[in-house]
Amino acid sequence: MPEEIDCLCYTKGPGMGAPLQVAAIVVRVLSQLWKKPNVAVNHCSAHIEMGRIVTGAYDPVVLYVSVGTHR
């Protein structure tokens, strides 16, 4: 399977720190083991692009709403 992969991507942020760090570590380890480049992507953009890929949409209109809390 690794021979079918061109690169490994992980979401760098924004988001919850701990899950993002775990994913980054896993991707970095796999990229070293498999000798593949790793690419950090924006979390919000990743959601949009996955929706585009899954639906096959060429040029979708997207409304992305993110709710965060500030103290």
PDB file of N, CA and C in Angstrom:
ATOM      1  N   MET A   1       0.794  -1.207   0.000  1.00  0.00           N
ATOM      2  CA  MET A   1       0.000   0.000   0.000  1.00  0.00           C
ATOM      3  C   MET A   1       0.840   1.276   0.000  1.00  0.00           C
ATOM      4  N   PRO A   2       1.910   1.412   0.757  1.00  0.00           N
ATOM      5  CA  PRO A   2       2.682   2.653   0.734  1.00  0.00           C
ATOM      6  C   PRO A   2       3.180   3.037  -0.664  1.00  0.00           C
ATOM      7  N   GLU A   3       3.416   2.073  -1.510  1.00  0.00           N
ATOM      8  CA  GLU A   3       3.897   2.388  -2.855  1.00  0.00           C
ATOM      9  C   GLU A   3       2.838   3.096  -3.703  1.00  0.00           C
ATOM     10  N   GLU A   4       1.579   3.038  -3.301  1.00  0.00           N
ATOM     11  CA  GLU A   4       0.497   3.711  -4.021  1.00  0.00           C
ATOM     12  C   GLU A   4       0.268   5.139  -3.528  1.00  0.00           C
ATOM     13  N   ILE A   5       0.981   5.545  -2.499  1.00  0.00           N
ATOM     14  CA  ILE A   5       0.791   6.862  -1.878  1.00  0.00           C
ATOM     15  C   ILE A   5       1.890   7.813  -2.344  1.00  0.00           C
ATOM     16  N   ASP A   6       1.484   9.016  -2.790  1.00  0.00           N
ATOM     17  CA  ASP A   6       2.441  10.027  -3.234  1.00  0.00           C
ATOM     18  C   ASP A   6       2.949  10.880  -2.080  1.00  0.00           C
ATOM     19  N   CYS A   7       2.046  11.273  -1.185  1.00  0.00           N
ATOM     20  CA  CYS A   7       2.434  12.068  -0.025  1.00  0.00           C
ATOM     21  C   CYS A   7       1.394  11.872   1.074  1.00  0.00           C
ATOM     22  N   LEU A   8       1.751  12.271   2.275  1.00  0.00           N
ATOM     23  CA  LEU A   8       0.858  12.171   3.427  1.00  0.00           C
ATOM     24  C   LEU A   8       0.513  13.585   3.890  1.00  0.00           C
ATOM     25  N   CYS A   9      -0.770  13.825   4.139  1.00  0.00           N
ATOM     26  CA  CYS A   9      -1.214  15.142   4.573  1.00  0.00           C
ATOM     27  C   CYS A   9      -1.824  15.060   5.967  1.00  0.00           C
ATOM     28  N   TYR A  10      -1.701  16.151   6.683  1.00  0.00           N
ATOM     29  CA  TYR A  10      -2.332  16.256   7.996  1.00  0.00           C
ATOM     30  C   TYR A  10      -2.822  17.682   8.177  1.00  0.00           C
ATOM     31  N   THR A  11      -3.852  17.841   8.988  1.00  0.00           N
ATOM     32  CA  THR A  11      -4.374  19.184   9.221  1.00  0.00           C
ATOM     33  C   THR A  11      -3.576  19.846  10.338  1.00  0.00           C
ATOM     34  N   LYS A  12      -3.073  21.030  10.024  1.00  0.00           N
ATOM     35  CA  LYS A  12      -2.210  21.754  10.954  1.00  0.00           C
ATOM     36  C   LYS A  12      -3.011  22.663  11.892  1.00  0.00           C
ATOM     37  N   GLY A  13      -4.161  23.081  11.484  1.00  0.00           N
ATOM     38  CA  GLY A  13      -4.974  23.959  12.313  1.00  0.00           C
ATOM     39  C   GLY A  13      -5.909  24.763  11.442  1.00  0.00           C
ATOM     40  N   PRO A  14      -6.816  25.486  11.933  1.00  0.00           N
ATOM     41  CA  PRO A  14      -7.146  25.617  13.339  1.00  0.00           C
ATOM     42  C   PRO A  14      -7.877  24.377  13.847  1.00  0.00           C
ATOM     43  N   GLY A  15      -7.944  24.249  15.142  1.00  0.00           N
ATOM     44  CA  GLY A  15      -8.634  23.117  15.745  1.00  0.00           C
ATOM     45  C   GLY A  15      -8.134  22.854  17.147  1.00  0.00           C
ATOM     46  N   MET A  16      -8.549  21.736  17.684  1.00  0.00           N
ATOM     47  CA  MET A  16      -8.138  21.349  19.030  1.00  0.00           C
ATOM     48  C   MET A  16      -6.702  20.845  18.984  1.00  0.00           C
ATOM     49  N   GLY A  17      -5.859  21.404  19.843  1.00  0.00           N
ATOM     50  CA  GLY A  17      -4.430  21.140  19.803  1.00  0.00           C
ATOM     51  C   GLY A  17      -4.012  19.689  19.905  1.00  0.00           C
ATOM     52  N   ALA A  18      -4.535  18.972  20.890  1.00  0.00           N
ATOM     53  CA  ALA A  18      -4.089  17.589  21.123  1.00  0.00           C
ATOM     54  C   ALA A  18      -4.363  16.665  19.941  1.00  0.00           C
ATOM     55  N   PRO A  19      -5.588  16.629  19.393  1.00  0.00           N
ATOM     56  CA  PRO A  19      -5.818  15.751  18.241  1.00  0.00           C
ATOM     57  C   PRO A  19      -4.971  16.132  17.026  1.00  0.00           C
ATOM     58  N   LEU A  20      -4.782  17.425  16.815  1.00  0.00           N
ATOM     59  CA  LEU A  20      -3.966  17.863  15.680  1.00  0.00           C
ATOM     60  C   LEU A  20      -2.508  17.434  15.859  1.00  0.00           C
ATOM     61  N   GLN A  21      -2.007  17.500  17.081  1.00  0.00           N
ATOM     62  CA  GLN A  21      -0.631  17.080  17.353  1.00  0.00           C
ATOM     63  C   GLN A  21      -0.448  15.583  17.152  1.00  0.00           C
ATOM     64  N   VAL A  22      -1.423  14.801  17.588  1.00  0.00           N
ATOM     65  CA  VAL A  22      -1.340  13.346  17.421  1.00  0.00           C
ATOM     66  C   VAL A  22      -1.295  12.994  15.935  1.00  0.00           C
ATOM     67  N   ALA A  23      -2.179  13.591  15.150  1.00  0.00           N
ATOM     68  CA  ALA A  23      -2.201  13.320  13.712  1.00  0.00           C
ATOM     69  C   ALA A  23      -0.877  13.729  13.065  1.00  0.00           C
ATOM     70  N   ALA A  24      -0.337  14.866  13.459  1.00  0.00           N
ATOM     71  CA  ALA A  24       0.935  15.334  12.898  1.00  0.00           C
ATOM     72  C   ALA A  24       2.065  14.361  13.208  1.00  0.00           C
ATOM     73  N   ILE A  25       2.094  13.849  14.424  1.00  0.00           N
ATOM     74  CA  ILE A  25       3.145  12.901  14.808  1.00  0.00           C
ATOM     75  C   ILE A  25       3.026  11.608  14.006  1.00  0.00           C
ATOM     76  N   VAL A  26       1.808  11.091  13.884  1.00  0.00           N
ATOM     77  CA  VAL A  26       1.596   9.851  13.125  1.00  0.00           C
ATOM     78  C   VAL A  26       2.034  10.033  11.675  1.00  0.00           C
ATOM     79  N   VAL A  27       1.640  11.142  11.066  1.00  0.00           N
ATOM     80  CA  VAL A  27       2.005  11.387   9.670  1.00  0.00           C
ATOM     81  C   VAL A  27       3.516  11.543   9.522  1.00  0.00           C
ATOM     82  N   ARG A  28       4.149  12.244  10.448  1.00  0.00           N
ATOM     83  CA  ARG A  28       5.607  12.407  10.353  1.00  0.00           C
ATOM     84  C   ARG A  28       6.338  11.072  10.477  1.00  0.00           C
ATOM     85  N   VAL A  29       5.875  10.216  11.369  1.00  0.00           N
ATOM     86  CA  VAL A  29       6.494   8.892  11.525  1.00  0.00           C
ATOM     87  C   VAL A  29       6.303   8.069  10.256  1.00  0.00           C
ATOM     88  N   LEU A  30       5.068   8.029   9.737  1.00  0.00           N
ATOM     89  CA  LEU A  30       4.816   7.262   8.519  1.00  0.00           C
ATOM     90  C   LEU A  30       5.591   7.811   7.325  1.00  0.00           C
ATOM     91  N   SER A  31       5.698   9.130   7.237  1.00  0.00           N
ATOM     92  CA  SER A  31       6.428   9.707   6.108  1.00  0.00           C
ATOM     93  C   SER A  31       7.912   9.333   6.160  1.00  0.00           C
ATOM     94  N   GLN A  32       8.457   9.216   7.351  1.00  0.00           N
ATOM     95  CA  GLN A  32       9.853   8.775   7.475  1.00  0.00           C
ATOM     96  C   GLN A  32       9.995   7.292   7.171  1.00  0.00           C
ATOM     97  N   LEU A  33       9.077   6.486   7.682  1.00  0.00           N
ATOM     98  CA  LEU A  33       9.137   5.043   7.430  1.00  0.00           C
ATOM     99  C   LEU A  33       8.964   4.719   5.950  1.00  0.00           C
ATOM    100  N   TRP A  34       8.028   5.404   5.307  1.00  0.00           N
ATOM    101  CA  TRP A  34       7.698   5.115   3.912  1.00  0.00           C
ATOM    102  C   TRP A  34       8.463   5.992   2.921  1.00  0.00           C
ATOM    103  N   LYS A  35       9.290   6.911   3.438  1.00  0.00           N
ATOM    104  CA  LYS A  35      10.060   7.832   2.588  1.00  0.00           C
ATOM    105  C   LYS A  35       9.145   8.615   1.631  1.00  0.00           C
ATOM    106  N   LYS A  36       8.124   9.215   2.221  1.00  0.00           N
ATOM    107  CA  LYS A  36       7.154  10.027   1.483  1.00  0.00           C
ATOM    108  C   LYS A  36       7.137  11.427   2.082  1.00  0.00           C
ATOM    109  N   PRO A  37       6.911  12.450   1.256  1.00  0.00           N
ATOM    110  CA  PRO A  37       6.805  13.804   1.812  1.00  0.00           C
ATOM    111  C   PRO A  37       5.519  13.954   2.620  1.00  0.00           C
ATOM    112  N   ASN A  38       5.555  14.865   3.603  1.00  0.00           N
ATOM    113  CA  ASN A  38       4.329  15.174   4.334  1.00  0.00           C
ATOM    114  C   ASN A  38       3.981  16.640   4.108  1.00  0.00           C
ATOM    115  N   VAL A  39       2.670  16.913   4.072  1.00  0.00           N
ATOM    116  CA  VAL A  39       2.178  18.249   3.756  1.00  0.00           C
ATOM    117  C   VAL A  39       1.159  18.665   4.813  1.00  0.00           C
ATOM    118  N   ALA A  40       1.384  19.813   5.410  1.00  0.00           N
ATOM    119  CA  ALA A  40       0.423  20.370   6.364  1.00  0.00           C
ATOM    120  C   ALA A  40      -0.625  21.161   5.589  1.00  0.00           C
ATOM    121  N   VAL A  41      -1.900  20.932   5.915  1.00  0.00           N
ATOM    122  CA  VAL A  41      -2.976  21.657   5.249  1.00  0.00           C
ATOM    123  C   VAL A  41      -3.854  22.343   6.287  1.00  0.00           C
ATOM    124  N   ASN A  42      -4.558  23.363   5.849  1.00  0.00           N
ATOM    125  CA  ASN A  42      -5.498  24.073   6.712  1.00  0.00           C
ATOM    126  C   ASN A  42      -6.702  23.174   6.981  1.00  0.00           C
ATOM    127  N   HIS A  43      -7.096  23.077   8.235  1.00  0.00           N
ATOM    128  CA  HIS A  43      -8.191  22.200   8.647  1.00  0.00           C
ATOM    129  C   HIS A  43      -9.492  22.533   7.912  1.00  0.00           C
ATOM    130  N   CYS A  44      -9.831  23.815   7.828  1.00  0.00           N
ATOM    131  CA  CYS A  44     -11.068  24.231   7.167  1.00  0.00           C
ATOM    132  C   CYS A  44     -11.031  23.883   5.679  1.00  0.00           C
ATOM    133  N   SER A  45      -9.918  24.159   5.032  1.00  0.00           N
ATOM    134  CA  SER A  45      -9.764  23.839   3.613  1.00  0.00           C
ATOM    135  C   SER A  45      -9.854  22.335   3.368  1.00  0.00           C
ATOM    136  N   ALA A  46      -9.342  21.555   4.298  1.00  0.00           N
ATOM    137  CA  ALA A  46      -9.409  20.097   4.157  1.00  0.00           C
ATOM    138  C   ALA A  46     -10.861  19.625   4.137  1.00  0.00           C
ATOM    139  N   HIS A  47     -11.703  20.179   5.011  1.00  0.00           N
ATOM    140  CA  HIS A  47     -13.123  19.810   5.007  1.00  0.00           C
ATOM    141  C   HIS A  47     -13.758  20.150   3.663  1.00  0.00           C
ATOM    142  N   ILE A  48     -13.484  21.324   3.154  1.00  0.00           N
ATOM    143  CA  ILE A  48     -14.066  21.765   1.891  1.00  0.00           C
ATOM    144  C   ILE A  48     -13.595  20.880   0.743  1.00  0.00           C
ATOM    145  N   GLU A  49     -12.307  20.603   0.676  1.00  0.00           N
ATOM    146  CA  GLU A  49     -11.765  19.789  -0.414  1.00  0.00           C
ATOM    147  C   GLU A  49     -12.274  18.353  -0.365  1.00  0.00           C
ATOM    148  N   MET A  50     -12.421  17.789   0.845  1.00  0.00           N
ATOM    149  CA  MET A  50     -12.961  16.431   0.945  1.00  0.00           C
ATOM    150  C   MET A  50     -14.393  16.391   0.417  1.00  0.00           C
ATOM    151  N   GLY A  51     -15.190  17.403   0.747  1.00  0.00           N
ATOM    152  CA  GLY A  51     -16.557  17.470   0.220  1.00  0.00           C
ATOM    153  C   GLY A  51     -16.565  17.568  -1.295  1.00  0.00           C
ATOM    154  N   ARG A  52     -15.639  18.330  -1.836  1.00  0.00           N
ATOM    155  CA  ARG A  52     -15.538  18.480  -3.284  1.00  0.00           C
ATOM    156  C   ARG A  52     -15.165  17.152  -3.943  1.00  0.00           C
ATOM    157  N   ILE A  53     -14.228  16.447  -3.336  1.00  0.00           N
ATOM    158  CA  ILE A  53     -13.778  15.162  -3.891  1.00  0.00           C
ATOM    159  C   ILE A  53     -14.889  14.120  -3.809  1.00  0.00           C
ATOM    160  N   VAL A  54     -15.555  14.046  -2.659  1.00  0.00           N
ATOM    161  CA  VAL A  54     -16.599  13.035  -2.459  1.00  0.00           C
ATOM    162  C   VAL A  54     -17.775  13.257  -3.416  1.00  0.00           C
ATOM    163  N   THR A  55     -18.147  14.520  -3.641  1.00  0.00           N
ATOM    164  CA  THR A  55     -19.303  14.800  -4.497  1.00  0.00           C
ATOM    165  C   THR A  55     -18.944  14.894  -5.972  1.00  0.00           C
ATOM    166  N   GLY A  56     -17.655  15.073  -6.266  1.00  0.00           N
ATOM    167  CA  GLY A  56     -17.254  15.231  -7.661  1.00  0.00           C
ATOM    168  C   GLY A  56     -17.536  16.624  -8.202  1.00  0.00           C
ATOM    169  N   ALA A  57     -17.844  17.567  -7.321  1.00  0.00           N
ATOM    170  CA  ALA A  57     -18.149  18.928  -7.749  1.00  0.00           C
ATOM    171  C   ALA A  57     -16.896  19.597  -8.313  1.00  0.00           C
ATOM    172  N   TYR A  58     -17.043  20.309  -9.414  1.00  0.00           N
ATOM    173  CA  TYR A  58     -15.902  20.966 -10.050  1.00  0.00           C
ATOM    174  C   TYR A  58     -15.604  22.326  -9.423  1.00  0.00           C
ATOM    175  N   ASP A  59     -16.620  23.145  -9.282  1.00  0.00           N
ATOM    176  CA  ASP A  59     -16.440  24.504  -8.769  1.00  0.00           C
ATOM    177  C   ASP A  59     -17.593  24.847  -7.824  1.00  0.00           C
ATOM    178  N   PRO A  60     -17.628  24.209  -6.650  1.00  0.00           N
ATOM    179  CA  PRO A  60     -18.782  24.393  -5.767  1.00  0.00           C
ATOM    180  C   PRO A  60     -18.802  25.749  -5.076  1.00  0.00           C
ATOM    181  N   VAL A  61     -19.990  26.166  -4.714  1.00  0.00           N
ATOM    182  CA  VAL A  61     -20.149  27.326  -3.842  1.00  0.00           C
ATOM    183  C   VAL A  61     -20.211  26.761  -2.426  1.00  0.00           C
ATOM    184  N   VAL A  62     -19.374  27.287  -1.553  1.00  0.00           N
ATOM    185  CA  VAL A  62     -19.238  26.709  -0.215  1.00  0.00           C
ATOM    186  C   VAL A  62     -19.514  27.766   0.843  1.00  0.00           C
ATOM    187  N   LEU A  63     -20.286  27.387   1.850  1.00  0.00           N
ATOM    188  CA  LEU A  63     -20.455  28.219   3.034  1.00  0.00           C
ATOM    189  C   LEU A  63     -19.868  27.428   4.182  1.00  0.00           C
ATOM    190  N   TYR A  64     -18.792  27.910   4.731  1.00  0.00           N
ATOM    191  CA  TYR A  64     -18.151  27.235   5.856  1.00  0.00           C
ATOM    192  C   TYR A  64     -18.390  28.080   7.096  1.00  0.00           C
ATOM    193  N   VAL A  65     -19.039  27.503   8.082  1.00  0.00           N
ATOM    194  CA  VAL A  65     -19.339  28.209   9.320  1.00  0.00           C
ATOM    195  C   VAL A  65     -18.580  27.528  10.445  1.00  0.00           C
ATOM    196  N   SER A  66     -17.788  28.291  11.151  1.00  0.00           N
ATOM    197  CA  SER A  66     -17.016  27.740  12.258  1.00  0.00           C
ATOM    198  C   SER A  66     -17.375  28.510  13.518  1.00  0.00           C
ATOM    199  N   VAL A  67     -17.672  27.760  14.567  1.00  0.00           N
ATOM    200  CA  VAL A  67     -18.060  28.386  15.819  1.00  0.00           C
ATOM    201  C   VAL A  67     -16.991  28.068  16.871  1.00  0.00           C
ATOM    202  N   GLY A  68     -16.457  29.084  17.440  1.00  0.00           N
ATOM    203  CA  GLY A  68     -15.461  28.904  18.491  1.00  0.00           C
ATOM    204  C   GLY A  68     -15.878  29.700  19.704  1.00  0.00           C
ATOM    205  N   THR A  69     -15.262  29.377  20.811  1.00  0.00           N
ATOM    206  CA  THR A  69     -15.568  30.130  22.031  1.00  0.00           C
ATOM    207  C   THR A  69     -14.363  30.975  22.409  1.00  0.00           C
ATOM    208  N   HIS A  70     -14.632  32.126  22.871  1.00  0.00           N
ATOM    209  CA  HIS A  70     -13.584  33.031  23.344  1.00  0.00           C
ATOM    210  C   HIS A  70     -13.887  33.398  24.781  1.00  0.00           C
ATOM    211  N   ARG A  71     -12.882  33.379  25.601  1.00  0.00           N
ATOM    212  CA  ARG A  71     -13.097  33.720  27.020  1.00  0.00           C
ATOM    213  C   ARG A  71     -12.408  35.005  27.356  1.00  0.00           C
TER     214      ARG A  71
END
